[in-house]
Amino acid sequence: MPIGGTSQTMTDSSVRVEMQSVSEEKDLGVNMMQVLKTCSQCAKAANKARSVVGMVHRNFRRLDQDDFLLLYKTYIRPHMEYCILYCTWSPYLA
């Protein structure tokens, strides 16, 4: 049931169609939930960062500290920063 408890309909060629209710929708790369909490978005960003770590581990077996730092700053850190920035931008949850 949509927020507010009423069903939403639209008219298509003089036929009323009831719109499907969803609890989560992805729009412009951001997952929006009915309750407007960011836990789902942060979890997906963290999972993406973990998958990139796995990709780096599979494809670069021998890395020294400088090479790993370069790969980390380029491929992994942006995903985690996105998660952190998105989670801290929720003043209504404070």
PDB file of N, CA and C in Angstrom:
ATOM      1  N   MET A   1       0.855  -1.167   0.000  1.00  0.00           N
ATOM      2  CA  MET A   1       0.000   0.000   0.000  1.00  0.00           C
ATOM      3  C   MET A   1       0.902   1.232   0.000  1.00  0.00           C
ATOM      4  N   PRO A   2       0.683   2.188  -0.836  1.00  0.00           N
ATOM      5  CA  PRO A   2       1.480   3.403  -0.881  1.00  0.00           C
ATOM      6  C   PRO A   2       1.371   4.200   0.407  1.00  0.00           C
ATOM      7  N   ILE A   3       2.266   5.142   0.558  1.00  0.00           N
ATOM      8  CA  ILE A   3       2.259   6.007   1.733  1.00  0.00           C
ATOM      9  C   ILE A   3       0.951   6.789   1.749  1.00  0.00           C
ATOM     10  N   GLY A   4       0.320   6.849   2.875  1.00  0.00           N
ATOM     11  CA  GLY A   4      -0.950   7.557   2.998  1.00  0.00           C
ATOM     12  C   GLY A   4      -2.135   6.618   2.979  1.00  0.00           C
ATOM     13  N   GLY A   5      -1.941   5.370   2.547  1.00  0.00           N
ATOM     14  CA  GLY A   5      -2.988   4.383   2.621  1.00  0.00           C
ATOM     15  C   GLY A   5      -3.949   4.361   1.454  1.00  0.00           C
ATOM     16  N   THR A   6      -3.772   5.192   0.439  1.00  0.00           N
ATOM     17  CA  THR A   6      -4.677   5.183  -0.707  1.00  0.00           C
ATOM     18  C   THR A   6      -3.970   4.582  -1.905  1.00  0.00           C
ATOM     19  N   SER A   7      -4.722   3.894  -2.734  1.00  0.00           N
ATOM     20  CA  SER A   7      -4.123   3.313  -3.927  1.00  0.00           C
ATOM     21  C   SER A   7      -4.023   4.387  -5.005  1.00  0.00           C
ATOM     22  N   GLN A   8      -3.051   4.281  -5.859  1.00  0.00           N
ATOM     23  CA  GLN A   8      -2.807   5.252  -6.918  1.00  0.00           C
ATOM     24  C   GLN A   8      -3.245   4.650  -8.251  1.00  0.00           C
ATOM     25  N   THR A   9      -3.955   5.418  -9.057  1.00  0.00           N
ATOM     26  CA  THR A   9      -4.375   4.951 -10.372  1.00  0.00           C
ATOM     27  C   THR A   9      -3.972   5.986 -11.411  1.00  0.00           C
ATOM     28  N   MET A  10      -3.875   5.535 -12.659  1.00  0.00           N
ATOM     29  CA  MET A  10      -3.639   6.439 -13.774  1.00  0.00           C
ATOM     30  C   MET A  10      -4.545   6.027 -14.922  1.00  0.00           C
ATOM     31  N   THR A  11      -4.849   6.965 -15.772  1.00  0.00           N
ATOM     32  CA  THR A  11      -5.734   6.690 -16.896  1.00  0.00           C
ATOM     33  C   THR A  11      -4.907   6.549 -18.156  1.00  0.00           C
ATOM     34  N   ASP A  12      -5.097   5.431 -18.855  1.00  0.00           N
ATOM     35  CA  ASP A  12      -4.375   5.156 -20.090  1.00  0.00           C
ATOM     36  C   ASP A  12      -5.392   4.830 -21.172  1.00  0.00           C
ATOM     37  N   SER A  13      -5.609   5.745 -22.082  1.00  0.00           N
ATOM     38  CA  SER A  13      -6.591   5.574 -23.168  1.00  0.00           C
ATOM     39  C   SER A  13      -7.974   5.255 -22.601  1.00  0.00           C
ATOM     40  N   SER A  14      -8.417   6.047 -21.677  1.00  0.00           N
ATOM     41  CA  SER A  14      -9.712   5.942 -20.995  1.00  0.00           C
ATOM     42  C   SER A  14      -9.875   4.640 -20.209  1.00  0.00           C
ATOM     43  N   VAL A  15      -8.776   3.996 -19.883  1.00  0.00           N
ATOM     44  CA  VAL A  15      -8.794   2.800 -19.043  1.00  0.00           C
ATOM     45  C   VAL A  15      -8.026   3.126 -17.763  1.00  0.00           C
ATOM     46  N   ARG A  16      -8.681   2.922 -16.637  1.00  0.00           N
ATOM     47  CA  ARG A  16      -8.022   3.191 -15.352  1.00  0.00           C
ATOM     48  C   ARG A  16      -7.147   1.999 -14.985  1.00  0.00           C
ATOM     49  N   VAL A  17      -5.899   2.271 -14.701  1.00  0.00           N
ATOM     50  CA  VAL A  17      -4.932   1.234 -14.343  1.00  0.00           C
ATOM     51  C   VAL A  17      -4.414   1.542 -12.946  1.00  0.00           C
ATOM     52  N   GLU A  18      -4.496   0.559 -12.052  1.00  0.00           N
ATOM     53  CA  GLU A  18      -3.980   0.747 -10.702  1.00  0.00           C
ATOM     54  C   GLU A  18      -2.472   0.533 -10.730  1.00  0.00           C
ATOM     55  N   MET A  19      -1.757   1.487 -10.149  1.00  0.00           N
ATOM     56  CA  MET A  19      -0.300   1.414 -10.144  1.00  0.00           C
ATOM     57  C   MET A  19       0.176   0.446  -9.064  1.00  0.00           C
ATOM     58  N   GLN A  20       1.242  -0.268  -9.381  1.00  0.00           N
ATOM     59  CA  GLN A  20       1.812  -1.242  -8.457  1.00  0.00           C
ATOM     60  C   GLN A  20       2.568  -0.515  -7.342  1.00  0.00           C
ATOM     61  N   SER A  21       2.435  -0.989  -6.139  1.00  0.00           N
ATOM     62  CA  SER A  21       3.127  -0.411  -4.996  1.00  0.00           C
ATOM     63  C   SER A  21       4.430  -1.170  -4.759  1.00  0.00           C
ATOM     64  N   VAL A  22       5.523  -0.440  -4.573  1.00  0.00           N
ATOM     65  CA  VAL A  22       6.823  -1.044  -4.282  1.00  0.00           C
ATOM     66  C   VAL A  22       7.378  -0.411  -3.020  1.00  0.00           C
ATOM     67  N   SER A  23       8.224  -1.153  -2.316  1.00  0.00           N
ATOM     68  CA  SER A  23       8.799  -0.620  -1.085  1.00  0.00           C
ATOM     69  C   SER A  23      10.138   0.064  -1.334  1.00  0.00           C
ATOM     70  N   GLU A  24      10.772  -0.230  -2.490  1.00  0.00           N
ATOM     71  CA  GLU A  24      12.070   0.376  -2.793  1.00  0.00           C
ATOM     72  C   GLU A  24      12.179   0.605  -4.291  1.00  0.00           C
ATOM     73  N   GLU A  25      12.730   1.751  -4.670  1.00  0.00           N
ATOM     74  CA  GLU A  25      12.862   2.104  -6.085  1.00  0.00           C
ATOM     75  C   GLU A  25      14.233   2.726  -6.303  1.00  0.00           C
ATOM     76  N   LYS A  26      14.891   2.354  -7.406  1.00  0.00           N
ATOM     77  CA  LYS A  26      16.184   2.934  -7.737  1.00  0.00           C
ATOM     78  C   LYS A  26      15.970   4.015  -8.785  1.00  0.00           C
ATOM     79  N   ASP A  27      16.405   5.241  -8.461  1.00  0.00           N
ATOM     80  CA  ASP A  27      16.245   6.378  -9.360  1.00  0.00           C
ATOM     81  C   ASP A  27      17.542   7.168  -9.368  1.00  0.00           C
ATOM     82  N   LEU A  28      18.136   7.343 -10.535  1.00  0.00           N
ATOM     83  CA  LEU A  28      19.401   8.058 -10.698  1.00  0.00           C
ATOM     84  C   LEU A  28      20.502   7.477  -9.817  1.00  0.00           C
ATOM     85  N   GLY A  29      20.511   6.169  -9.651  1.00  0.00           N
ATOM     86  CA  GLY A  29      21.551   5.503  -8.886  1.00  0.00           C
ATOM     87  C   GLY A  29      21.357   5.524  -7.385  1.00  0.00           C
ATOM     88  N   VAL A  30      20.236   6.070  -6.916  1.00  0.00           N
ATOM     89  CA  VAL A  30      19.962   6.145  -5.479  1.00  0.00           C
ATOM     90  C   VAL A  30      18.750   5.299  -5.177  1.00  0.00           C
ATOM     91  N   ASN A  31      18.871   4.422  -4.198  1.00  0.00           N
ATOM     92  CA  ASN A  31      17.748   3.583  -3.780  1.00  0.00           C
ATOM     93  C   ASN A  31      16.890   4.355  -2.787  1.00  0.00           C
ATOM     94  N   MET A  32      15.644   4.575  -3.148  1.00  0.00           N
ATOM     95  CA  MET A  32      14.706   5.277  -2.284  1.00  0.00           C
ATOM     96  C   MET A  32      13.734   4.263  -1.703  1.00  0.00           C
ATOM     97  N   MET A  33      13.504   4.370  -0.392  1.00  0.00           N
ATOM     98  CA  MET A  33      12.562   3.500   0.290  1.00  0.00           C
ATOM     99  C   MET A  33      11.394   4.345   0.771  1.00  0.00           C
ATOM    100  N   GLN A  34      10.281   3.700   1.081  1.00  0.00           N
ATOM    101  CA  GLN A  34       9.109   4.424   1.580  1.00  0.00           C
ATOM    102  C   GLN A  34       9.404   5.134   2.889  1.00  0.00           C
ATOM    103  N   VAL A  35      10.235   4.535   3.732  1.00  0.00           N
ATOM    104  CA  VAL A  35      10.534   5.130   5.032  1.00  0.00           C
ATOM    105  C   VAL A  35      11.722   6.088   4.966  1.00  0.00           C
ATOM    106  N   LEU A  36      12.333   6.264   3.785  1.00  0.00           N
ATOM    107  CA  LEU A  36      13.440   7.182   3.526  1.00  0.00           C
ATOM    108  C   LEU A  36      14.663   6.916   4.385  1.00  0.00           C
ATOM    109  N   LYS A  37      14.930   5.672   4.700  1.00  0.00           N
ATOM    110  CA  LYS A  37      16.150   5.322   5.422  1.00  0.00           C
ATOM    111  C   LYS A  37      17.204   4.883   4.409  1.00  0.00           C
ATOM    112  N   THR A  38      18.476   5.059   4.777  1.00  0.00           N
ATOM    113  CA  THR A  38      19.567   4.827   3.833  1.00  0.00           C
ATOM    114  C   THR A  38      20.291   3.500   4.046  1.00  0.00           C
ATOM    115  N   CYS A  39      19.789   2.636   4.899  1.00  0.00           N
ATOM    116  CA  CYS A  39      20.513   1.410   5.210  1.00  0.00           C
ATOM    117  C   CYS A  39      20.702   0.544   3.966  1.00  0.00           C
ATOM    118  N   SER A  40      19.738   0.488   3.106  1.00  0.00           N
ATOM    119  CA  SER A  40      19.837  -0.313   1.892  1.00  0.00           C
ATOM    120  C   SER A  40      20.894   0.250   0.951  1.00  0.00           C
ATOM    121  N   GLN A  41      20.917   1.573   0.790  1.00  0.00           N
ATOM    122  CA  GLN A  41      21.893   2.217  -0.091  1.00  0.00           C
ATOM    123  C   GLN A  41      23.315   1.992   0.415  1.00  0.00           C
ATOM    124  N   CYS A  42      23.531   2.122   1.714  1.00  0.00           N
ATOM    125  CA  CYS A  42      24.863   1.931   2.287  1.00  0.00           C
ATOM    126  C   CYS A  42      25.305   0.477   2.172  1.00  0.00           C
ATOM    127  N   ALA A  43      24.395  -0.442   2.390  1.00  0.00           N
ATOM    128  CA  ALA A  43      24.739  -1.861   2.274  1.00  0.00           C
ATOM    129  C   ALA A  43      25.125  -2.205   0.841  1.00  0.00           C
ATOM    130  N   LYS A  44      24.420  -1.652  -0.128  1.00  0.00           N
ATOM    131  CA  LYS A  44      24.755  -1.935  -1.530  1.00  0.00           C
ATOM    132  C   LYS A  44      26.087  -1.315  -1.918  1.00  0.00           C
ATOM    133  N   ALA A  45      26.393  -0.126  -1.415  1.00  0.00           N
ATOM    134  CA  ALA A  45      27.681   0.503  -1.699  1.00  0.00           C
ATOM    135  C   ALA A  45      28.821  -0.287  -1.060  1.00  0.00           C
ATOM    136  N   ALA A  46      28.616  -0.769   0.159  1.00  0.00           N
ATOM    137  CA  ALA A  46      29.640  -1.578   0.825  1.00  0.00           C
ATOM    138  C   ALA A  46      29.844  -2.908   0.105  1.00  0.00           C
ATOM    139  N   ASN A  47      28.772  -3.526  -0.365  1.00  0.00           N
ATOM    140  CA  ASN A  47      28.906  -4.777  -1.129  1.00  0.00           C
ATOM    141  C   ASN A  47      29.647  -4.546  -2.433  1.00  0.00           C
ATOM    142  N   LYS A  48      29.405  -3.418  -3.081  1.00  0.00           N
ATOM    143  CA  LYS A  48      30.115  -3.089  -4.309  1.00  0.00           C
ATOM    144  C   LYS A  48      31.602  -2.917  -4.029  1.00  0.00           C
ATOM    145  N   ALA A  49      31.944  -2.252  -2.931  1.00  0.00           N
ATOM    146  CA  ALA A  49      33.351  -2.075  -2.554  1.00  0.00           C
ATOM    147  C   ALA A  49      33.998  -3.426  -2.266  1.00  0.00           C
ATOM    148  N   ARG A  50      33.274  -4.326  -1.590  1.00  0.00           N
ATOM    149  CA  ARG A  50      33.816  -5.666  -1.324  1.00  0.00           C
ATOM    150  C   ARG A  50      34.043  -6.449  -2.618  1.00  0.00           C
ATOM    151  N   SER A  51      33.152  -6.308  -3.576  1.00  0.00           N
ATOM    152  CA  SER A  51      33.339  -7.018  -4.835  1.00  0.00           C
ATOM    153  C   SER A  51      34.534  -6.465  -5.602  1.00  0.00           C
ATOM    154  N   VAL A  52      34.783  -5.166  -5.498  1.00  0.00           N
ATOM    155  CA  VAL A  52      35.958  -4.578  -6.145  1.00  0.00           C
ATOM    156  C   VAL A  52      37.231  -5.060  -5.454  1.00  0.00           C
ATOM    157  N   VAL A  53      37.207  -5.192  -4.131  1.00  0.00           N
ATOM    158  CA  VAL A  53      38.360  -5.743  -3.417  1.00  0.00           C
ATOM    159  C   VAL A  53      38.644  -7.164  -3.901  1.00  0.00           C
ATOM    160  N   GLY A  54      37.595  -7.967  -4.080  1.00  0.00           N
ATOM    161  CA  GLY A  54      37.777  -9.323  -4.599  1.00  0.00           C
ATOM    162  C   GLY A  54      38.348  -9.332  -5.999  1.00  0.00           C
ATOM    163  N   MET A  55      37.900  -8.403  -6.854  1.00  0.00           N
ATOM    164  CA  MET A  55      38.424  -8.302  -8.207  1.00  0.00           C
ATOM    165  C   MET A  55      39.906  -7.932  -8.184  1.00  0.00           C
ATOM    166  N   VAL A  56      40.282  -6.985  -7.323  1.00  0.00           N
ATOM    167  CA  VAL A  56      41.691  -6.595  -7.204  1.00  0.00           C
ATOM    168  C   VAL A  56      42.515  -7.780  -6.702  1.00  0.00           C
ATOM    169  N   HIS A  57      41.998  -8.511  -5.732  1.00  0.00           N
ATOM    170  CA  HIS A  57      42.717  -9.668  -5.187  1.00  0.00           C
ATOM    171  C   HIS A  57      42.903 -10.765  -6.237  1.00  0.00           C
ATOM    172  N   ARG A  58      41.880 -10.996  -7.061  1.00  0.00           N
ATOM    173  CA  ARG A  58      41.984 -12.039  -8.092  1.00  0.00           C
ATOM    174  C   ARG A  58      42.947 -11.662  -9.213  1.00  0.00           C
ATOM    175  N   ASN A  59      42.986 -10.397  -9.584  1.00  0.00           N
ATOM    176  CA  ASN A  59      43.749  -9.994 -10.757  1.00  0.00           C
ATOM    177  C   ASN A  59      45.139  -9.459 -10.469  1.00  0.00           C
ATOM    178  N   PHE A  60      45.414  -9.106  -9.239  1.00  0.00           N
ATOM    179  CA  PHE A  60      46.728  -8.593  -8.871  1.00  0.00           C
ATOM    180  C   PHE A  60      47.238  -9.402  -7.687  1.00  0.00           C
ATOM    181  N   ARG A  61      47.925 -10.494  -7.978  1.00  0.00           N
ATOM    182  CA  ARG A  61      48.376 -11.397  -6.913  1.00  0.00           C
ATOM    183  C   ARG A  61      49.529 -10.816  -6.107  1.00  0.00           C
ATOM    184  N   ARG A  62      50.480 -10.204  -6.773  1.00  0.00           N
ATOM    185  CA  ARG A  62      51.664  -9.707  -6.064  1.00  0.00           C
ATOM    186  C   ARG A  62      51.650  -8.187  -6.084  1.00  0.00           C
ATOM    187  N   LEU A  63      51.298  -7.623  -4.980  1.00  0.00           N
ATOM    188  CA  LEU A  63      51.245  -6.173  -4.851  1.00  0.00           C
ATOM    189  C   LEU A  63      52.092  -5.716  -3.678  1.00  0.00           C
ATOM    190  N   ASP A  64      52.863  -4.682  -3.914  1.00  0.00           N
ATOM    191  CA  ASP A  64      53.526  -4.075  -2.763  1.00  0.00           C
ATOM    192  C   ASP A  64      52.588  -3.013  -2.186  1.00  0.00           C
ATOM    193  N   GLN A  65      53.009  -2.375  -1.135  1.00  0.00           N
ATOM    194  CA  GLN A  65      52.142  -1.441  -0.428  1.00  0.00           C
ATOM    195  C   GLN A  65      51.753  -0.249  -1.305  1.00  0.00           C
ATOM    196  N   ASP A  66      52.677   0.265  -2.076  1.00  0.00           N
ATOM    197  CA  ASP A  66      52.387   1.431  -2.919  1.00  0.00           C
ATOM    198  C   ASP A  66      51.396   1.094  -4.027  1.00  0.00           C
ATOM    199  N   ASP A  67      51.559  -0.071  -4.650  1.00  0.00           N
ATOM    200  CA  ASP A  67      50.622  -0.470  -5.704  1.00  0.00           C
ATOM    201  C   ASP A  67      49.219  -0.694  -5.155  1.00  0.00           C
ATOM    202  N   PHE A  68      49.143  -1.360  -3.993  1.00  0.00           N
ATOM    203  CA  PHE A  68      47.825  -1.579  -3.402  1.00  0.00           C
ATOM    204  C   PHE A  68      47.168  -0.251  -3.019  1.00  0.00           C
ATOM    205  N   LEU A  69      47.939   0.682  -2.497  1.00  0.00           N
ATOM    206  CA  LEU A  69      47.397   1.978  -2.115  1.00  0.00           C
ATOM    207  C   LEU A  69      46.837   2.717  -3.333  1.00  0.00           C
ATOM    208  N   LEU A  70      47.543   2.631  -4.450  1.00  0.00           N
ATOM    209  CA  LEU A  70      47.057   3.253  -5.682  1.00  0.00           C
ATOM    210  C   LEU A  70      45.744   2.624  -6.137  1.00  0.00           C
ATOM    211  N   LEU A  71      45.666   1.277  -6.138  1.00  0.00           N
ATOM    212  CA  LEU A  71      44.437   0.590  -6.523  1.00  0.00           C
ATOM    213  C   LEU A  71      43.301   0.888  -5.549  1.00  0.00           C
ATOM    214  N   TYR A  72      43.626   0.943  -4.264  1.00  0.00           N
ATOM    215  CA  TYR A  72      42.607   1.226  -3.253  1.00  0.00           C
ATOM    216  C   TYR A  72      42.011   2.613  -3.448  1.00  0.00           C
ATOM    217  N   LYS A  73      42.880   3.614  -3.628  1.00  0.00           N
ATOM    218  CA  LYS A  73      42.394   4.990  -3.786  1.00  0.00           C
ATOM    219  C   LYS A  73      41.615   5.169  -5.086  1.00  0.00           C
ATOM    220  N   THR A  74      41.948   4.385  -6.099  1.00  0.00           N
ATOM    221  CA  THR A  74      41.301   4.543  -7.396  1.00  0.00           C
ATOM    222  C   THR A  74      39.982   3.797  -7.492  1.00  0.00           C
ATOM    223  N   TYR A  75      39.922   2.568  -7.000  1.00  0.00           N
ATOM    224  CA  TYR A  75      38.766   1.718  -7.255  1.00  0.00           C
ATOM    225  C   TYR A  75      37.886   1.429  -6.038  1.00  0.00           C
ATOM    226  N   ILE A  76      38.446   1.360  -4.853  1.00  0.00           N
ATOM    227  CA  ILE A  76      37.689   0.913  -3.684  1.00  0.00           C
ATOM    228  C   ILE A  76      37.183   2.090  -2.846  1.00  0.00           C
ATOM    229  N   ARG A  77      38.050   3.039  -2.579  1.00  0.00           N
ATOM    230  CA  ARG A  77      37.712   4.156  -1.704  1.00  0.00           C
ATOM    231  C   ARG A  77      36.515   4.986  -2.187  1.00  0.00           C
ATOM    232  N   PRO A  78      36.363   5.237  -3.500  1.00  0.00           N
ATOM    233  CA  PRO A  78      35.191   6.016  -3.921  1.00  0.00           C
ATOM    234  C   PRO A  78      33.852   5.377  -3.533  1.00  0.00           C
ATOM    235  N   HIS A  79      33.768   4.060  -3.575  1.00  0.00           N
ATOM    236  CA  HIS A  79      32.526   3.376  -3.183  1.00  0.00           C
ATOM    237  C   HIS A  79      32.255   3.573  -1.694  1.00  0.00           C
ATOM    238  N   MET A  80      33.294   3.460  -0.879  1.00  0.00           N
ATOM    239  CA  MET A  80      33.110   3.618   0.553  1.00  0.00           C
ATOM    240  C   MET A  80      32.813   5.073   0.924  1.00  0.00           C
ATOM    241  N   GLU A  81      33.445   6.022   0.240  1.00  0.00           N
ATOM    242  CA  GLU A  81      33.158   7.423   0.514  1.00  0.00           C
ATOM    243  C   GLU A  81      31.729   7.768   0.146  1.00  0.00           C
ATOM    244  N   TYR A  82      31.240   7.206  -0.947  1.00  0.00           N
ATOM    245  CA  TYR A  82      29.855   7.438  -1.336  1.00  0.00           C
ATOM    246  C   TYR A  82      28.916   6.936  -0.251  1.00  0.00           C
ATOM    247  N   CYS A  83      29.219   5.779   0.285  1.00  0.00           N
ATOM    248  CA  CYS A  83      28.386   5.205   1.345  1.00  0.00           C
ATOM    249  C   CYS A  83      28.420   6.093   2.582  1.00  0.00           C
ATOM    250  N   ILE A  84      29.589   6.547   2.982  1.00  0.00           N
ATOM    251  CA  ILE A  84      29.717   7.352   4.184  1.00  0.00           C
ATOM    252  C   ILE A  84      29.031   8.706   4.002  1.00  0.00           C
ATOM    253  N   LEU A  85      29.255   9.355   2.859  1.00  0.00           N
ATOM    254  CA  LEU A  85      28.628  10.651   2.627  1.00  0.00           C
ATOM    255  C   LEU A  85      27.115  10.534   2.581  1.00  0.00           C
ATOM    256  N   TYR A  86      26.620   9.470   1.968  1.00  0.00           N
ATOM    257  CA  TYR A  86      25.186   9.303   1.855  1.00  0.00           C
ATOM    258  C   TYR A  86      24.559   9.040   3.222  1.00  0.00           C
ATOM    259  N   CYS A  87      25.262   8.298   4.073  1.00  0.00           N
ATOM    260  CA  CYS A  87      24.727   7.985   5.401  1.00  0.00           C
ATOM    261  C   CYS A  87      24.776   9.183   6.333  1.00  0.00           C
ATOM    262  N   THR A  88      25.777  10.024   6.224  1.00  0.00           N
ATOM    263  CA  THR A  88      25.879  11.160   7.128  1.00  0.00           C
ATOM    264  C   THR A  88      24.998  12.313   6.694  1.00  0.00           C
ATOM    265  N   TRP A  89      24.448  12.254   5.505  1.00  0.00           N
ATOM    266  CA  TRP A  89      23.598  13.328   5.005  1.00  0.00           C
ATOM    267  C   TRP A  89      22.137  13.136   5.409  1.00  0.00           C
ATOM    268  N   SER A  90      21.876  12.483   6.482  1.00  0.00           N
ATOM    269  CA  SER A  90      20.508  12.191   6.909  1.00  0.00           C
ATOM    270  C   SER A  90      20.196  12.907   8.217  1.00  0.00           C
ATOM    271  N   PRO A  91      20.059  14.234   8.207  1.00  0.00           N
ATOM    272  CA  PRO A  91      19.825  14.933   9.477  1.00  0.00           C
ATOM    273  C   PRO A  91      18.474  14.617  10.099  1.00  0.00           C
ATOM    274  N   TYR A  92      17.512  14.160   9.299  1.00  0.00           N
ATOM    275  CA  TYR A  92      16.190  13.852   9.848  1.00  0.00           C
ATOM    276  C   TYR A  92      16.197  12.585  10.692  1.00  0.00           C
ATOM    277  N   LEU A  93      17.257  11.765  10.606  1.00  0.00           N
ATOM    278  CA  LEU A  93      17.341  10.549  11.408  1.00  0.00           C
ATOM    279  C   LEU A  93      18.025  10.800  12.758  1.00  0.00           C
ATOM    280  N   ALA A  94      18.574  11.998  12.967  1.00  0.00           N
ATOM    281  CA  ALA A  94      19.303  12.292  14.210  1.00  0.00           C
ATOM    282  C   ALA A  94      18.321  12.447  15.364  1.00  0.00           C
TER     283      ALA A  94
END
